[in-house]
Protein backbone atom coordinates (compact mmCIF):
# COMPACT_ATOMS: atom_id res chain seq x y z
CA MET A 1 -4.88 20.86 -2.06
CA GLU A 2 -6.13 17.31 -1.56
CA ALA A 3 -9.74 16.33 -2.14
CA PRO A 4 -11.85 15.92 1.02
CA LEU A 5 -12.24 12.36 2.27
CA ILE A 6 -15.68 10.74 2.22
CA ALA A 7 -16.85 7.44 3.72
CA VAL A 8 -16.32 4.57 1.26
CA ALA A 9 -16.59 1.47 3.51
CA HIS A 10 -17.19 0.51 7.13
CA SER A 11 -17.48 -2.43 9.49
CA ALA A 12 -18.35 -2.78 13.15
CA GLN A 13 -14.78 -1.84 14.11
CA LEU A 14 -13.41 0.26 11.22
CA SER A 15 -14.35 3.13 8.96
CA VAL A 16 -12.54 3.78 5.68
CA GLU A 17 -12.64 7.21 4.08
CA GLY A 18 -11.38 7.92 0.59
CA ALA A 19 -10.93 10.47 -2.15
CA VAL A 20 -9.57 10.49 -5.68
CA ALA A 21 -7.38 13.28 -6.99
CA ASP A 22 -4.81 13.37 -9.78
CA GLY A 23 -5.30 9.67 -10.57
CA VAL A 24 -4.59 8.50 -7.01
CA LEU A 25 -7.04 6.92 -4.59
CA ARG A 26 -6.25 8.13 -1.06
CA LEU A 27 -7.61 6.05 1.85
CA ARG A 28 -7.62 6.63 5.60
CA VAL A 29 -8.59 3.83 8.01
CA ARG A 30 -10.02 4.79 11.39
CA ARG A 31 -11.42 2.87 14.30
CA VAL A 32 -15.16 3.49 14.82
CA ASN A 33 -14.42 3.97 18.53
CA GLU A 34 -11.70 6.60 18.21
CA ALA A 35 -10.82 6.33 21.92
CA GLN A 36 -8.68 3.26 21.14
CA PRO A 37 -5.57 3.60 18.96
CA LEU A 38 -5.46 1.75 15.63
CA THR A 39 -2.35 0.07 14.25
CA VAL A 40 -2.77 -0.89 10.58
CA THR A 41 -0.02 -3.34 9.65
CA ASP A 42 -1.08 -3.94 6.03
CA LEU A 43 -3.76 -2.83 3.59
CA ALA A 44 -4.79 -4.40 0.29
CA VAL A 45 -7.24 -2.88 -2.19
CA ARG A 46 -9.08 -4.51 -5.07
CA LEU A 47 -11.06 -2.43 -7.53
CA ASP A 48 -13.61 -4.27 -9.65
CA GLY A 49 -11.79 -7.53 -8.88
CA ARG A 50 -8.27 -6.33 -9.70
CA THR A 51 -5.53 -5.68 -7.16
CA LEU A 52 -4.14 -2.15 -6.86
CA PRO A 53 -0.67 -1.35 -5.55
CA VAL A 54 -0.95 0.40 -2.17
CA LEU A 55 1.62 2.73 -0.66
CA ALA A 56 1.67 3.88 2.97
CA ARG A 57 1.95 7.65 3.36
CA SER A 58 3.70 9.54 6.16
CA ASP A 59 0.41 11.04 7.43
CA GLY A 60 -1.01 7.57 8.20
CA SER A 61 -3.15 7.35 5.07
CA PHE A 62 -2.63 5.07 2.07
CA ALA A 63 -2.38 5.82 -1.65
CA ALA A 64 -3.29 3.59 -4.60
CA PRO A 65 -2.41 4.88 -8.09
CA LEU A 66 -5.22 4.59 -10.66
CA LYS A 67 -3.13 5.46 -13.73
CA ASP A 68 -3.97 4.05 -17.16
CA LEU A 69 -7.48 3.06 -16.08
CA PRO A 70 -10.64 3.84 -18.05
CA GLN A 71 -13.07 6.33 -16.51
CA ARG A 72 -16.11 4.61 -15.01
CA ALA A 73 -17.43 5.24 -11.52
CA PRO A 74 -18.51 4.08 -9.09
CA GLY A 75 -16.31 1.00 -8.98
CA LYS A 76 -16.59 -1.82 -6.46
CA LEU A 77 -13.88 -1.60 -3.79
CA GLU A 78 -12.71 -4.51 -1.67
CA ILE A 79 -10.44 -3.40 1.16
CA ILE A 80 -8.59 -5.87 3.39
CA VAL A 81 -7.13 -4.32 6.52
CA ALA A 82 -4.64 -6.11 8.78
CA HIS A 83 -4.80 -4.45 12.20
CA ASP A 84 -4.19 -5.41 15.80
CA GLY A 85 -3.57 -9.06 14.86
CA THR A 86 -6.79 -9.48 12.83
CA LEU A 87 -7.87 -9.20 9.20
CA GLU A 88 -11.02 -7.37 8.17
CA ALA A 89 -12.53 -7.32 4.71
CA LEU A 90 -14.67 -4.29 3.84
CA ASP A 91 -16.72 -3.62 0.72
CA GLY A 92 -17.48 -0.19 -0.66
CA GLU A 93 -17.59 2.00 -3.74
CA LEU A 94 -14.97 4.17 -5.35
CA PRO A 95 -15.73 7.87 -4.75
CA ALA A 96 -17.48 9.61 -7.66
CA GLY A 97 -15.34 11.03 -10.44
CA ALA A 98 -12.70 8.31 -10.21
CA SER A 99 -11.32 5.64 -12.48
CA ALA A 100 -12.93 2.31 -11.79
CA ALA A 101 -11.22 -0.55 -13.56
CA GLY A 102 -8.17 -1.94 -11.86
CA ALA A 103 -4.61 -2.79 -12.74
CA GLY A 104 -1.36 -3.56 -11.04
CA SER A 105 -0.18 -6.09 -8.53
CA GLY A 106 0.13 -5.34 -4.87
CA GLY A 107 -0.70 -6.65 -1.43
CA GLY A 108 1.99 -9.34 -1.65
CA THR A 109 2.60 -9.91 2.05
CA LEU A 110 -1.08 -9.60 2.89
CA GLY A 111 -1.98 -12.17 0.21
CA ALA A 112 0.53 -14.62 1.69
CA LEU A 113 -0.85 -13.95 5.18
CA ILE A 114 -4.42 -14.68 4.07
CA HIS A 115 -3.26 -17.89 2.35
CA LYS A 116 -1.48 -19.06 5.52
CA GLN A 117 -4.49 -18.24 7.69
CA MET A 118 -6.82 -20.20 5.40
CA SER A 119 -4.40 -23.15 5.49
CA TRP A 120 -4.40 -23.12 9.30
CA TRP A 121 -8.20 -23.00 9.43
CA ILE A 122 -8.46 -25.99 7.11
CA LEU A 123 -5.83 -27.90 9.10
CA ASN A 124 -7.66 -27.17 12.37
CA VAL A 125 -10.99 -28.38 10.95
CA VAL A 126 -9.35 -31.60 9.70
CA ILE A 127 -7.76 -32.23 13.13
CA VAL A 128 -11.07 -31.67 14.93
CA LEU A 129 -12.85 -34.04 12.53
CA ILE A 130 -10.22 -36.74 13.09
CA GLY A 131 -10.60 -36.28 16.85
CA VAL A 132 -14.40 -36.54 16.66
CA ILE A 133 -14.17 -39.73 14.58
CA ALA A 134 -11.63 -41.26 16.99
CA VAL A 135 -13.76 -40.45 20.06
CA SER A 136 -16.96 -41.71 18.45
CA ARG A 137 -15.29 -45.03 17.55
CA ARG A 138 -14.04 -45.49 21.13
CA MET A 139 -17.47 -44.82 22.60
CA SER A 140 -19.18 -47.40 20.36
């Protein structure tokens, strides 16, 4: 029997519930407004600053193994959810009774996606600044 899920993080759009059992952190992401469907395309989890490998489960939840980690709770969770064409970063705490240092390497595609998005934002800011400088020089 799996441990009951408790709220670990939330934002204006999403709620993340979690539980730890048998050295595995189980997470379920839900939309706050449950009338609309939620499509999670990727999920990355960091625990106390270290990336955990995340596996999608058939029931729609996610699992992150916490093996070989020292016991210390609560740990600081950072959860990045890619859904419906957007990225959301949520902060929370590891449920009580869980391991709280992190290990592993996961979130590969999500990390690349975040890097690309940051690059586009920087490029857009640079283009806007060049345009503002060009227009201001023409007007003077």
